[in-house]
Protein backbone atom coordinates (compact mmCIF):
# COMPACT_ATOMS: atom_id res chain seq x y z
CA UNK A 1 87.29 88.88 132.93
CA UNK A 2 84.40 91.21 132.45
CA UNK A 3 84.04 94.17 134.83
CA UNK A 4 80.38 93.20 135.31
CA UNK A 5 81.66 90.16 137.26
CA UNK A 6 83.46 92.49 139.63
CA UNK A 7 80.32 94.63 139.96
CA UNK A 8 78.09 91.66 140.74
CA UNK A 9 80.50 90.54 143.43
CA UNK A 10 81.08 94.11 144.64
CA UNK A 11 84.87 93.72 144.61
CA UNK A 12 86.88 96.69 145.84
CA UNK A 13 90.65 96.93 145.98
CA UNK A 14 91.42 99.49 148.67
CA UNK A 15 94.45 101.78 148.84
CA UNK A 16 95.82 99.85 151.82
CA UNK A 17 95.92 96.67 149.68
CA UNK A 18 92.89 95.02 151.23
CA UNK A 19 90.24 93.45 149.03
CA UNK A 20 86.58 93.50 149.99
CA UNK A 21 83.47 92.12 148.35
CA UNK A 22 79.86 93.08 148.99
CA UNK A 23 77.68 92.79 145.92
CA UNK A 24 74.20 91.58 145.00
CA UNK A 25 75.38 88.21 143.62
CA UNK A 26 74.44 86.33 146.80
CA UNK A 27 70.78 87.15 146.14
CA UNK A 28 71.04 85.76 142.61
CA UNK A 29 73.30 82.75 143.20
CA UNK A 30 74.52 82.07 146.76
CA UNK A 31 76.99 79.44 145.47
CA UNK A 32 78.68 81.72 142.90
CA UNK A 33 82.45 82.15 142.93
CA UNK A 34 84.75 84.47 141.02
CA UNK A 35 88.09 82.70 140.58
CA UNK A 36 91.39 83.91 139.20
CA UNK A 37 90.81 87.57 140.05
CA UNK A 38 94.13 89.42 139.74
CA UNK A 39 94.66 92.10 142.38
CA UNK A 40 98.16 93.48 142.02
CA UNK A 41 100.57 90.58 142.51
CA UNK A 42 97.91 88.36 144.09
CA UNK A 43 95.28 86.11 142.57
CA UNK A 44 92.10 85.69 144.60
CA UNK A 45 88.83 83.83 144.71
CA UNK A 46 85.73 85.75 145.76
CA UNK A 47 82.66 83.90 147.05
CA UNK A 48 79.09 85.15 146.87
CA UNK A 49 79.09 85.54 150.67
CA UNK A 50 81.88 88.15 150.38
CA UNK A 51 84.75 85.91 151.45
CA UNK A 52 88.01 86.72 149.65
CA UNK A 53 90.77 84.11 149.69
CA UNK A 54 94.22 84.22 148.12
CA UNK A 55 94.96 81.46 145.62
CA UNK A 56 98.27 79.66 145.73
């Protein structure tokens, strides 16, 4: 994965383990999704609207 993907989605992995997303991608493509993002032991999907969900 390219770090520019994380920048477009505004992904942040906080010290408390939470993952947030607030980037400009929703203005460019409101349907965009970043899948397979590894955050520690978890794998997540990030939607353009900022929703972060854990993959199983």
